[in-house]
Amino acid sequence: MSSRVKESRSLAPLNSQFTTPKLKTLNSLISGRMIAAFALCLCASVPLCLYPKPAGAGVFNRTEMSEVSCAAVKMQLFYYYLAPEKDPKILNYAIKCGGVSSDIKMPKWLDAAVPEMVSKKVWRDPEEGDISEAALWQTPVSILYEYFELTRKTFPADAGGAEIQPALLVKEYADIRIRFQMSLDRLYRARTRDYSMGDSMNGRGRAMMAEFNLILKEMESIADAISSSNSKRYADAATATAVFAQDSFFMLFGEPRRYEQPKRESRGAQVLGLVLTGVGMLLMFLAVRVFFTINDKKTDALMGDYARKIVKWTDDFSRQFIAINVKYLVAVPAGIFTLIGLLTFNLFAFLFFCGAGVFVGLHTPGWVLNYMKVQRGKKIDGQLMDALILLSNCLRSGLDVVQGFEMVSKDLVPPISDEFALVIKNYQLGMTFEKALGVMEDRVESRMLSYMIRAIVLQRQMGGNLTRVFERIVIDIREESKLEEKTKAMTAQQKIQSIVVGIMPFIMVSVMFLFQPDTMIKFYGKPLGLTTMIVCIIWIAIGMKVVSSLGKIRV
């Protein structure tokens, strides 16, 4: 197989005064027989009866034809920019694209870089010898010009075309695509010891090769469009190729995209920023202090309400046999959130965390109290069956209900022994037994305990066999316990899903804070970021509630 690089068709001159240099391409890397065989196979797959209509019948519209024609001219300019000797006319060339006339001036950096690109040899061919960097770029550009000129042949006659059917050009399109692919492969593989074509064009090489890759994909779409007789797809692919080619041309006129190390503030500037932030927060605290000093009456009213809430919460915890300083439940969450706000060193974030800390702190005692009541009620439910059996035995042995309560308070362990002992103590202090039972019912979150209390009250008021009632309650407790265990097993997946739905977003945000703290603080430290966080928290809470409610089954 011959590897001799043959000469392709010359680029047409930009005007009549330009000479037409011949360009060497990669035609020689595949034999003419292989190209012919490939073209015949592709043509055989397209029946002549299914060939698309001529271009004059509307394959391209005027905008698409303008894009293809402009791309051909710009590829000419691109080629001549890289030539060792330039005609003065291309340095400032008038071009009309899309009905708009403009003058395109050759980039000054390219004029200065071309001599070095011509002298720098980056590829060695066994037959051609050393190939320069400029010539290596000229090859795909000349092939693209040939591609657009071939496409223009499908234009109608009034647009400068020959109205040739695209299906009749399948061999030429296949030839161009293969040669363009091989020229692009050379660009990727060409390099010296300390230089690659990605660094070419003053750093624009990688972006241009990426554009050429997109062009190659569209060339493949051309073949698919012709084989499927899809004229719309053919026009779209040809137009997209023209757009990508013009983008690569305009890269010559823009600044190359280079990575620059972000500038970091000096140590002194960082320290000064921290000091100013601390001073600002101190002034804010003083402003809040002055505000409360000016509004003494409102402040006293708020503090009075807070003190009454503290007393109520303390009494509620005492009724649950829990000794706790409620002030700590308010102050600790508020302090933790305030500390987190200080660590962000951002005013908006600090205000947000302070507000969240006050909200959480004021509601923490109620949340803790409800949680402890529920947990205490569950423990009492677990002990209630033993208590009922003991009460039933006491009644059978001739003791009354009050003596049975005393036996339970002595023989069983807390928390049920504490509750029964408190009923006896209230009864001994003068409260009626029914009233003492009612106080216990209000204090304990237990449905089965409420059934027992109501049964005792009804028996004392109307009479009846309380032993049988206790036995029935014991049976109900056993059956309900089995059913609850079964429902817990059936709804475990929903509960886990609700937990995952609620926790995963916060875990992901925490991970992002660990890897990019500056970016996250910069975003969430602004009103938009804080608003986004609040909205997300609300929707996450709604999602957790919905998913959790799906797994709730009341027994």
Protein backbone atom coordinates (compact mmCIF):
# COMPACT_ATOMS: atom_id res chain seq x y z
CA MET A 1 0.00 0.00 0.00
CA SER A 2 1.51 3.36 -0.98
CA SER A 3 1.98 5.90 1.80
CA ARG A 4 2.92 8.72 -0.53
CA VAL A 5 0.96 11.86 0.34
CA LYS A 6 -0.84 12.95 -2.81
CA GLU A 7 -1.86 16.44 -3.71
CA SER A 8 -5.51 17.37 -3.28
CA ARG A 9 -7.49 19.88 -5.24
CA SER A 10 -6.22 23.41 -4.75
CA LEU A 11 -8.10 25.98 -2.74
CA ALA A 12 -9.86 28.44 -4.94
CA PRO A 13 -8.34 31.93 -4.80
CA LEU A 14 -10.03 34.49 -2.58
CA ASN A 15 -10.05 36.82 -5.59
CA SER A 16 -8.69 36.82 -9.08
CA GLN A 17 -5.35 38.31 -8.05
CA PHE A 18 -4.49 35.46 -5.66
CA THR A 19 -2.37 32.58 -6.81
CA THR A 20 -3.66 29.06 -6.11
CA PRO A 21 -1.12 27.01 -4.13
CA LYS A 22 -1.39 23.23 -4.15
CA LEU A 23 -1.95 21.53 -0.82
CA LYS A 24 -0.66 18.17 0.24
CA THR A 25 -3.20 15.96 1.97
CA LEU A 26 -3.37 12.46 3.42
CA ASN A 27 -4.94 10.87 0.36
CA SER A 28 -2.04 8.49 -0.05
CA LEU A 29 -2.50 6.67 3.26
CA ILE A 30 -5.27 4.57 1.77
CA SER A 31 -5.33 3.23 -1.74
CA GLY A 32 -7.77 4.23 -4.41
CA ARG A 33 -9.11 0.71 -4.56
CA MET A 34 -10.16 0.76 -0.91
CA ILE A 35 -11.94 4.08 -1.32
CA ALA A 36 -13.72 2.86 -4.44
CA ALA A 37 -14.80 -0.36 -2.76
CA PHE A 38 -16.09 1.53 0.26
CA ALA A 39 -18.03 3.96 -1.94
CA LEU A 40 -19.54 1.16 -4.03
CA CYS A 41 -20.73 -0.67 -0.93
CA LEU A 42 -22.33 2.48 0.44
CA CYS A 43 -23.94 3.31 -2.88
CA ALA A 44 -25.31 -0.22 -3.18
CA SER A 45 -27.19 0.30 0.08
CA VAL A 46 -29.04 3.31 -1.37
CA PRO A 47 -31.49 2.38 -4.15
CA LEU A 48 -31.62 4.92 -6.93
CA CYS A 49 -35.39 5.13 -6.57
CA LEU A 50 -34.90 6.39 -3.00
CA TYR A 51 -32.31 9.06 -3.83
CA PRO A 52 -33.21 12.43 -2.33
CA LYS A 53 -34.49 15.17 -4.49
CA PRO A 54 -32.06 17.66 -6.03
CA ALA A 55 -30.82 20.49 -3.86
CA GLY A 56 -32.86 22.88 -5.88
CA ALA A 57 -35.96 21.20 -4.49
CA GLY A 58 -35.18 22.56 -1.05
CA VAL A 59 -32.44 20.56 0.66
CA PHE A 60 -30.93 23.79 2.04
CA ASN A 61 -32.61 27.05 2.89
CA ARG A 62 -30.90 30.39 2.33
CA THR A 63 -29.56 30.65 5.89
CA GLU A 64 -27.96 27.21 5.70
CA MET A 65 -26.42 27.95 2.30
CA SER A 66 -24.98 31.17 3.71
CA GLU A 67 -23.41 29.28 6.62
CA VAL A 68 -21.74 26.77 4.28
CA SER A 69 -20.44 29.48 1.91
CA CYS A 70 -19.08 31.58 4.80
CA ALA A 71 -17.35 28.54 6.28
CA ALA A 72 -15.62 27.87 2.93
CA VAL A 73 -14.27 31.42 2.75
CA LYS A 74 -13.10 31.36 6.35
CA MET A 75 -11.30 28.07 5.83
CA GLN A 76 -9.51 29.72 2.91
CA LEU A 77 -8.46 32.58 5.15
CA PHE A 78 -7.38 30.12 7.85
CA TYR A 79 -5.20 28.29 5.34
CA TYR A 80 -3.57 31.43 3.94
CA TYR A 81 -2.91 32.78 7.46
CA LEU A 82 -0.60 29.79 8.04
CA ALA A 83 1.25 30.16 4.72
CA PRO A 84 4.90 31.33 4.86
CA GLU A 85 4.23 34.10 2.35
CA LYS A 86 1.00 36.08 2.49
CA ASP A 87 -0.73 38.33 0.03
CA PRO A 88 -1.33 41.74 1.65
CA LYS A 89 -5.01 41.54 0.76
CA ILE A 90 -5.73 38.74 3.26
CA LEU A 91 -4.43 40.84 6.16
CA ASN A 92 -7.67 42.85 5.97
CA TYR A 93 -10.23 40.95 3.92
CA ALA A 94 -13.83 42.05 3.32
CA ILE A 95 -16.36 39.26 3.70
CA LYS A 96 -20.15 39.16 3.57
CA CYS A 97 -21.91 36.52 5.67
CA GLY A 98 -25.59 36.35 6.46
CA GLY A 99 -26.18 39.59 4.60
CA VAL A 100 -23.72 41.49 6.82
CA SER A 101 -20.44 42.82 5.44
CA SER A 102 -17.39 42.95 7.68
CA ASP A 103 -13.63 43.28 7.48
CA ILE A 104 -11.62 40.42 8.97
CA LYS A 105 -8.13 41.40 10.04
CA MET A 106 -5.50 38.75 10.53
CA PRO A 107 -4.59 38.38 14.24
CA LYS A 108 -1.27 40.04 15.02
CA TRP A 109 -0.17 37.19 17.28
CA LEU A 110 -0.62 34.73 14.41
CA ASP A 111 1.44 36.86 12.02
CA ALA A 112 4.27 36.80 14.54
CA ALA A 113 3.88 33.08 15.34
CA VAL A 114 3.70 31.69 11.78
CA PRO A 115 7.47 31.86 11.04
CA GLU A 116 8.19 29.80 14.13
CA MET A 117 5.37 27.34 13.26
CA VAL A 118 6.80 26.93 9.76
CA SER A 119 10.28 26.25 11.05
CA LYS A 120 9.22 23.87 13.83
CA LYS A 121 9.10 20.25 12.62
CA VAL A 122 6.65 18.15 14.66
CA TRP A 123 5.98 15.14 12.38
CA ARG A 124 8.20 12.90 10.31
CA ASP A 125 6.79 10.92 7.39
CA PRO A 126 8.82 8.15 5.70
CA GLU A 127 8.14 9.59 2.23
CA GLU A 128 7.34 13.26 2.85
CA GLY A 129 10.07 13.85 5.39
CA ASP A 130 9.72 16.39 8.18
CA ILE A 131 6.40 18.27 8.32
CA SER A 132 6.11 21.63 10.05
CA GLU A 133 3.58 22.64 12.64
CA ALA A 134 1.92 25.11 10.25
CA ALA A 135 1.59 22.53 7.46
CA LEU A 136 0.08 20.03 9.87
CA TRP A 137 -2.71 22.53 10.65
CA GLN A 138 -3.14 23.48 6.99
CA THR A 139 -4.00 19.90 6.00
CA PRO A 140 -7.35 19.52 7.88
CA VAL A 141 -8.25 23.12 7.04
CA SER A 142 -7.77 22.48 3.30
CA ILE A 143 -9.83 19.28 3.55
CA LEU A 144 -12.63 21.25 5.22
CA TYR A 145 -12.55 23.80 2.39
CA GLU A 146 -12.82 20.94 -0.10
CA TYR A 147 -15.73 19.53 1.94
CA PHE A 148 -17.67 22.81 1.83
CA GLU A 149 -17.00 23.26 -1.88
CA LEU A 150 -18.36 19.74 -2.44
CA THR A 151 -21.45 20.59 -0.39
CA ARG A 152 -22.00 23.76 -2.45
CA LYS A 153 -22.42 21.61 -5.53
CA THR A 154 -25.77 20.49 -4.10
CA PHE A 155 -26.99 24.12 -4.02
CA PRO A 156 -29.46 25.30 -6.69
CA ALA A 157 -28.07 26.99 -9.75
CA ASP A 158 -29.18 30.47 -8.69
CA ALA A 159 -27.06 30.06 -5.50
CA GLY A 160 -23.92 29.08 -7.40
CA GLY A 161 -24.45 25.32 -7.19
CA ALA A 162 -24.83 22.55 -9.72
CA GLU A 163 -27.99 20.96 -8.24
CA ILE A 164 -26.26 17.60 -7.86
CA GLN A 165 -28.02 14.98 -5.81
CA PRO A 166 -26.18 14.36 -2.48
CA ALA A 167 -26.42 10.59 -3.03
CA LEU A 168 -24.23 10.92 -6.14
CA LEU A 169 -21.45 12.47 -4.03
CA VAL A 170 -21.20 9.63 -1.54
CA LYS A 171 -17.75 8.55 -2.78
CA GLU A 172 -16.36 12.06 -2.45
CA TYR A 173 -17.82 12.49 1.04
CA ALA A 174 -16.32 9.16 2.14
CA ASP A 175 -12.93 10.15 0.74
CA ILE A 176 -12.99 13.52 2.52
CA ARG A 177 -14.08 12.03 5.84
CA ILE A 178 -11.29 9.43 5.83
CA ARG A 179 -8.64 11.98 4.92
CA PHE A 180 -9.91 14.42 7.56
CA GLN A 181 -9.88 11.69 10.21
CA MET A 182 -6.29 10.81 9.35
CA SER A 183 -5.21 14.45 9.41
CA LEU A 184 -6.83 14.86 12.82
CA ASP A 185 -5.04 11.74 14.04
CA ARG A 186 -1.76 13.35 13.00
CA LEU A 187 -2.58 16.44 15.02
CA TYR A 188 -3.14 14.37 18.15
CA ARG A 189 -0.01 12.27 17.68
CA ALA A 190 2.42 14.98 16.54
CA ARG A 191 4.79 16.21 19.24
CA THR A 192 8.36 16.91 20.12
CA ARG A 193 10.10 16.10 23.37
CA ASP A 194 8.67 19.13 25.19
CA TYR A 195 5.86 20.27 22.87
CA SER A 196 2.52 18.88 21.66
CA MET A 197 -0.07 20.22 19.23
CA GLY A 198 -2.40 20.91 22.14
CA ASP A 199 -0.03 23.75 23.08
CA SER A 200 0.01 25.02 19.50
CA MET A 201 -1.61 28.27 18.36
CA ASN A 202 -0.53 29.94 21.60
CA GLY A 203 -2.62 27.48 23.65
CA ARG A 204 -5.61 27.29 21.29
CA GLY A 205 -4.69 23.88 19.87
CA ARG A 206 -6.67 21.70 22.27
CA ALA A 207 -9.88 23.68 21.77
CA MET A 208 -9.49 23.60 17.97
CA MET A 209 -8.90 19.84 17.93
CA ALA A 210 -12.05 19.43 20.02
CA GLU A 211 -13.97 21.41 17.38
CA PHE A 212 -12.45 19.23 14.65
CA ASN A 213 -13.65 16.14 16.53
CA LEU A 214 -17.21 17.50 16.46
CA ILE A 215 -16.84 18.17 12.74
CA LEU A 216 -15.75 14.55 12.21
CA LYS A 217 -18.90 13.32 13.98
CA GLU A 218 -21.07 15.45 11.68
CA MET A 219 -19.23 14.07 8.63
CA GLU A 220 -20.24 10.60 9.77
CA SER A 221 -23.83 11.86 10.04
CA ILE A 222 -23.61 12.95 6.39
CA ALA A 223 -23.02 9.35 5.31
CA ASP A 224 -25.91 8.12 7.48
CA ALA A 225 -28.23 10.80 6.08
CA ILE A 226 -27.40 9.89 2.48
CA SER A 227 -27.84 6.15 3.10
CA SER A 228 -31.26 6.78 4.70
CA SER A 229 -32.33 9.28 1.99
CA ASN A 230 -33.00 11.88 4.69
CA SER A 231 -32.43 15.29 3.09
CA LYS A 232 -33.30 17.18 6.30
CA ARG A 233 -30.68 15.27 8.26
CA TYR A 234 -28.16 15.85 5.48
CA ALA A 235 -28.74 19.62 5.54
CA ASP A 236 -28.55 19.76 9.35
CA ALA A 237 -25.26 17.84 9.44
CA ALA A 238 -23.68 20.00 6.71
CA THR A 239 -24.82 23.21 8.43
CA ALA A 240 -23.56 22.02 11.82
CA THR A 241 -20.16 21.28 10.23
CA ALA A 242 -20.08 24.81 8.84
CA VAL A 243 -20.90 26.30 12.25
CA PHE A 244 -18.18 24.27 14.00
CA ALA A 245 -15.66 25.22 11.33
CA GLN A 246 -16.45 28.92 11.79
CA ASP A 247 -16.11 28.52 15.55
CA SER A 248 -12.62 27.10 15.10
CA PHE A 249 -11.76 30.04 12.83
CA PHE A 250 -12.97 32.61 15.36
CA MET A 251 -10.78 30.98 18.03
CA LEU A 252 -7.86 32.69 16.27
CA PHE A 253 -9.26 36.08 17.30
CA GLY A 254 -10.01 35.37 20.95
CA GLU A 255 -7.78 34.90 23.94
CA PRO A 256 -6.81 31.29 24.69
CA ARG A 257 -8.38 29.75 27.77
CA ARG A 258 -5.67 29.02 30.28
CA TYR A 259 -5.84 27.87 33.85
CA GLU A 260 -4.65 30.48 36.29
CA GLN A 261 -3.93 29.76 39.92
CA PRO A 262 -6.43 31.72 42.00
CA LYS A 263 -4.89 34.58 43.87
CA ARG A 264 -4.81 34.09 47.60
CA GLU A 265 -4.94 36.85 50.09
CA SER A 266 -1.86 37.53 52.12
CA ARG A 267 -1.66 36.45 55.72
CA GLY A 268 -2.02 40.03 56.91
CA ALA A 269 -5.15 40.57 54.82
CA GLN A 270 -6.69 37.38 56.20
CA VAL A 271 -5.95 38.42 59.79
CA LEU A 272 -7.36 41.88 59.14
CA GLY A 273 -10.51 40.36 57.69
CA LEU A 274 -10.98 38.13 60.75
CA VAL A 275 -10.45 41.07 63.09
CA LEU A 276 -12.94 43.24 61.23
CA THR A 277 -15.46 40.40 61.22
CA GLY A 278 -15.08 39.95 64.97
CA VAL A 279 -15.47 43.67 65.56
CA GLY A 280 -18.60 43.71 63.39
CA MET A 281 -20.15 40.86 65.37
CA LEU A 282 -19.28 42.58 68.66
CA LEU A 283 -20.93 45.78 67.46
CA MET A 284 -23.97 43.77 66.47
CA PHE A 285 -24.21 42.27 69.97
CA LEU A 286 -23.94 45.76 71.45
CA ALA A 287 -26.68 46.99 69.11
CA VAL A 288 -28.96 44.16 70.25
CA ARG A 289 -28.17 45.02 73.87
CA VAL A 290 -28.99 48.68 73.31
CA PHE A 291 -32.23 47.71 71.57
CA PHE A 292 -33.40 45.63 74.56
CA THR A 293 -32.32 48.38 76.97
CA ILE A 294 -34.41 50.96 75.14
CA ASN A 295 -37.46 48.65 75.13
CA ASP A 296 -37.42 47.72 78.84
CA LYS A 297 -41.12 47.02 79.16
CA LYS A 298 -41.28 44.70 76.19
CA THR A 299 -38.10 43.02 77.36
CA ASP A 300 -39.52 42.47 80.84
CA ALA A 301 -42.72 41.04 79.36
CA LEU A 302 -40.73 38.63 77.19
CA MET A 303 -38.57 37.58 80.13
CA GLY A 304 -41.69 37.08 82.28
CA ASP A 305 -43.22 34.82 79.65
CA TYR A 306 -39.97 32.93 79.38
CA ALA A 307 -39.78 32.47 83.18
CA ARG A 308 -43.35 31.16 83.30
CA LYS A 309 -42.55 28.69 80.51
CA ILE A 310 -39.48 27.53 82.43
CA VAL A 311 -41.59 26.90 85.54
CA LYS A 312 -44.21 24.99 83.54
CA TRP A 313 -41.60 22.86 81.77
CA THR A 314 -39.89 22.11 85.08
CA ASP A 315 -43.19 20.99 86.60
CA ASP A 316 -43.95 18.80 83.56
CA PHE A 317 -40.53 17.12 83.82
CA SER A 318 -41.05 16.57 87.56
CA ARG A 319 -44.36 14.83 86.84
CA GLN A 320 -42.40 12.45 84.63
CA PHE A 321 -40.04 11.77 87.58
CA ILE A 322 -37.21 13.56 85.71
CA ALA A 323 -35.05 16.17 87.43
CA ILE A 324 -33.53 18.45 84.79
CA ASN A 325 -32.54 22.09 84.52
CA VAL A 326 -34.70 23.38 81.68
CA LYS A 327 -32.47 26.44 81.18
CA TYR A 328 -29.74 24.19 79.83
CA LEU A 329 -32.14 22.74 77.27
CA VAL A 330 -32.73 26.27 75.96
CA ALA A 331 -29.22 27.68 76.25
CA VAL A 332 -27.17 24.76 74.88
CA PRO A 333 -28.79 24.52 71.39
CA ALA A 334 -28.81 28.32 71.06
CA GLY A 335 -25.11 28.44 72.02
CA ILE A 336 -24.14 25.66 69.58
CA PHE A 337 -25.91 27.32 66.65
CA THR A 338 -24.37 30.69 67.55
CA LEU A 339 -20.90 29.12 67.63
CA ILE A 340 -21.47 27.58 64.19
CA GLY A 341 -22.51 31.01 62.92
CA LEU A 342 -19.33 32.55 64.33
CA LEU A 343 -17.18 29.92 62.63
CA THR A 344 -18.64 30.82 59.22
CA PHE A 345 -17.25 34.37 59.54
CA ASN A 346 -20.18 35.60 57.48
CA LEU A 347 -22.76 38.10 58.68
CA PHE A 348 -25.79 36.60 56.94
CA ALA A 349 -24.84 33.07 57.99
CA PHE A 350 -24.30 34.24 61.58
CA LEU A 351 -27.73 35.90 61.72
CA PHE A 352 -29.35 32.82 60.21
CA PHE A 353 -27.73 30.42 62.69
CA CYS A 354 -28.52 32.72 65.62
CA GLY A 355 -32.20 32.81 64.64
CA ALA A 356 -32.23 29.04 64.13
CA GLY A 357 -30.55 28.57 67.53
CA VAL A 358 -33.16 30.68 69.33
CA PHE A 359 -35.99 28.81 67.61
CA VAL A 360 -34.52 25.37 68.37
CA GLY A 361 -33.65 26.36 71.96
CA LEU A 362 -37.16 27.59 72.79
CA HIS A 363 -38.73 24.41 71.37
CA THR A 364 -36.21 21.90 72.69
CA PRO A 365 -37.87 21.48 76.16
CA GLY A 366 -41.22 20.66 74.54
CA TRP A 367 -39.62 18.21 72.10
CA VAL A 368 -37.63 16.49 74.85
CA LEU A 369 -40.68 16.32 77.14
CA ASN A 370 -42.87 14.75 74.45
CA TYR A 371 -40.17 12.24 73.56
CA MET A 372 -39.68 11.22 77.20
CA LYS A 373 -43.42 10.89 77.74
CA VAL A 374 -43.71 8.59 74.72
CA GLN A 375 -40.75 6.49 75.81
CA ARG A 376 -42.03 6.29 79.38
CA GLY A 377 -45.46 5.25 78.12
CA LYS A 378 -43.89 2.45 76.04
CA LYS A 379 -42.02 1.16 79.09
CA ILE A 380 -45.20 1.19 81.17
CA ASP A 381 -47.03 -0.68 78.39
CA GLY A 382 -44.36 -3.36 78.60
CA GLN A 383 -44.89 -3.72 82.37
CA LEU A 384 -48.66 -3.34 82.39
CA MET A 385 -49.41 -7.00 81.69
CA ASP A 386 -47.44 -8.08 84.79
CA ALA A 387 -49.20 -5.41 86.85
CA LEU A 388 -52.64 -6.59 85.70
CA ILE A 389 -51.81 -10.22 86.48
CA LEU A 390 -50.64 -9.18 89.96
CA LEU A 391 -53.81 -7.07 90.49
CA SER A 392 -55.99 -9.98 89.35
CA ASN A 393 -54.26 -12.34 91.80
CA CYS A 394 -54.70 -9.82 94.61
CA LEU A 395 -58.43 -9.55 93.88
CA ARG A 396 -58.78 -13.34 93.83
CA SER A 397 -57.06 -13.57 97.23
CA GLY A 398 -59.59 -11.18 98.80
CA LEU A 399 -57.69 -7.88 98.63
CA ASP A 400 -59.26 -4.75 97.13
CA VAL A 401 -57.93 -2.62 94.26
CA VAL A 402 -56.11 -0.14 96.52
CA GLN A 403 -54.19 -2.93 98.24
CA GLY A 404 -53.44 -4.41 94.81
CA PHE A 405 -51.92 -1.06 93.76
CA GLU A 406 -49.74 -1.13 96.89
CA MET A 407 -48.54 -4.64 95.95
CA VAL A 408 -47.66 -3.47 92.43
CA SER A 409 -45.73 -0.43 93.73
CA LYS A 410 -43.68 -2.71 96.02
CA ASP A 411 -43.11 -5.77 93.81
CA LEU A 412 -42.52 -4.24 90.34
CA VAL A 413 -39.75 -1.95 89.13
CA PRO A 414 -39.96 1.63 87.83
CA PRO A 415 -41.48 3.32 86.00
CA ILE A 416 -44.80 1.54 86.64
CA SER A 417 -44.06 1.10 90.37
CA ASP A 418 -43.50 4.89 90.68
CA GLU A 419 -46.81 5.65 88.99
CA PHE A 420 -48.79 3.20 91.14
CA ALA A 421 -47.02 4.46 94.29
CA LEU A 422 -47.95 8.05 93.37
CA VAL A 423 -51.61 7.01 93.03
CA ILE A 424 -51.50 5.48 96.52
CA LYS A 425 -49.77 8.56 97.94
CA ASN A 426 -52.39 10.92 96.45
CA TYR A 427 -55.14 8.67 97.80
CA GLN A 428 -53.62 8.68 101.28
CA LEU A 429 -53.36 12.49 101.17
CA GLY A 430 -57.11 12.82 100.74
CA MET A 431 -57.65 12.64 96.97
CA THR A 432 -60.34 10.26 95.83
CA PHE A 433 -59.07 7.06 94.26
CA GLU A 434 -60.85 7.84 90.98
CA LYS A 435 -59.25 11.31 90.90
CA ALA A 436 -55.80 9.85 91.60
CA LEU A 437 -56.28 7.42 88.72
CA GLY A 438 -57.30 10.31 86.46
CA VAL A 439 -54.12 12.20 87.33
CA MET A 440 -52.06 9.13 86.39
CA GLU A 441 -53.95 8.84 83.09
CA ASP A 442 -53.12 12.47 82.24
CA ARG A 443 -49.47 11.97 83.12
CA VAL A 444 -48.81 8.72 81.22
CA GLU A 445 -49.11 8.23 77.41
CA SER A 446 -50.57 4.69 77.40
CA ARG A 447 -53.79 3.57 75.77
CA MET A 448 -53.96 0.23 77.62
CA LEU A 449 -53.40 1.96 80.96
CA SER A 450 -56.36 4.20 80.14
CA TYR A 451 -58.50 1.09 79.50
CA MET A 452 -57.51 -0.31 82.88
CA ILE A 453 -58.27 2.95 84.70
CA ARG A 454 -61.70 3.28 83.09
CA ALA A 455 -62.52 -0.34 83.95
CA ILE A 456 -61.61 0.25 87.59
CA VAL A 457 -63.66 3.47 87.76
CA LEU A 458 -66.71 1.79 86.20
CA GLN A 459 -66.41 -1.21 88.56
CA ARG A 460 -66.25 1.04 91.63
CA GLN A 461 -69.26 3.02 90.43
CA MET A 462 -71.47 0.26 89.00
CA GLY A 463 -69.97 -2.99 90.24
CA GLY A 464 -68.86 -6.01 88.23
CA ASN A 465 -66.25 -8.71 88.02
CA LEU A 466 -63.01 -6.73 87.80
CA THR A 467 -60.88 -9.90 87.67
CA ARG A 468 -62.39 -10.96 84.36
CA VAL A 469 -61.96 -7.43 83.00
CA PHE A 470 -58.24 -7.55 83.87
CA GLU A 471 -57.90 -10.96 82.24
CA ARG A 472 -59.54 -9.62 79.09
CA ILE A 473 -57.21 -6.61 79.04
CA VAL A 474 -54.21 -8.95 79.44
CA ILE A 475 -55.37 -10.96 76.41
CA ASP A 476 -55.84 -7.73 74.42
CA ILE A 477 -52.35 -6.56 75.38
CA ARG A 478 -50.81 -9.84 74.19
CA GLU A 479 -52.65 -9.74 70.86
CA GLU A 480 -51.90 -6.07 70.33
CA SER A 481 -48.21 -6.64 71.06
CA LYS A 482 -48.05 -9.36 68.40
CA LEU A 483 -49.81 -7.13 65.89
CA GLU A 484 -47.53 -4.18 66.66
CA GLU A 485 -44.42 -6.31 66.15
CA LYS A 486 -45.79 -7.50 62.81
CA THR A 487 -46.62 -3.99 61.63
CA LYS A 488 -43.16 -2.76 62.67
CA ALA A 489 -41.56 -5.45 60.52
CA MET A 490 -43.81 -4.58 57.57
CA THR A 491 -43.21 -0.82 57.80
CA ALA A 492 -39.49 -0.92 58.55
CA GLN A 493 -38.60 -0.09 54.93
CA GLN A 494 -40.75 3.05 54.89
CA LYS A 495 -39.22 4.24 58.14
CA ILE A 496 -35.69 3.72 56.83
CA GLN A 497 -36.60 5.54 53.61
CA SER A 498 -37.91 8.52 55.56
CA ILE A 499 -34.67 8.65 57.55
CA VAL A 500 -32.54 8.41 54.41
CA VAL A 501 -34.61 11.09 52.65
CA GLY A 502 -34.07 13.42 55.58
CA ILE A 503 -30.40 12.73 56.31
CA MET A 504 -28.77 12.31 52.87
CA PRO A 505 -29.10 15.97 51.73
CA PHE A 506 -27.45 17.19 54.92
CA ILE A 507 -24.69 14.59 54.59
CA MET A 508 -24.00 15.69 51.01
CA VAL A 509 -23.93 19.36 52.00
CA SER A 510 -21.54 18.53 54.86
CA VAL A 511 -19.22 16.67 52.48
CA MET A 512 -19.25 19.64 50.10
CA PHE A 513 -18.42 21.94 53.02
CA LEU A 514 -15.42 19.72 53.83
CA PHE A 515 -14.04 19.76 50.27
CA GLN A 516 -14.99 23.30 49.20
CA PRO A 517 -15.70 25.35 52.34
CA ASP A 518 -15.01 28.72 50.72
CA THR A 519 -17.44 28.15 47.85
CA MET A 520 -20.18 26.78 50.12
CA ILE A 521 -19.83 29.57 52.67
CA LYS A 522 -19.81 32.15 49.87
CA PHE A 523 -23.09 30.73 48.49
CA TYR A 524 -24.95 30.00 51.73
CA GLY A 525 -23.71 33.25 53.23
CA LYS A 526 -25.85 35.23 50.79
CA PRO A 527 -29.62 35.81 50.99
CA LEU A 528 -30.21 33.58 47.96
CA GLY A 529 -28.27 30.70 49.54
CA LEU A 530 -30.04 31.07 52.89
CA THR A 531 -33.42 31.19 51.17
CA THR A 532 -32.52 28.05 49.22
CA MET A 533 -31.49 26.28 52.44
CA ILE A 534 -34.72 27.21 54.23
CA VAL A 535 -36.91 26.09 51.32
CA CYS A 536 -34.98 22.80 51.05
CA ILE A 537 -35.33 22.12 54.78
CA ILE A 538 -39.09 22.73 54.59
CA TRP A 539 -39.53 20.38 51.63
CA ILE A 540 -37.28 17.75 53.19
CA ALA A 541 -39.41 17.87 56.34
CA ILE A 542 -42.58 17.50 54.25
CA GLY A 543 -41.05 14.55 52.39
CA MET A 544 -40.03 12.84 55.63
CA LYS A 545 -43.51 13.34 57.06
CA VAL A 546 -45.23 11.96 53.96
CA VAL A 547 -42.97 8.91 53.68
CA SER A 548 -43.22 8.25 57.41
CA SER A 549 -47.02 8.55 57.40
CA LEU A 550 -47.21 5.93 54.65
CA GLY A 551 -45.76 3.39 57.08
CA LYS A 552 -47.96 4.25 60.04
CA ILE A 553 -50.61 1.70 60.96
CA ARG A 554 -52.75 2.33 64.00
CA VAL A 555 -53.44 -0.83 65.98
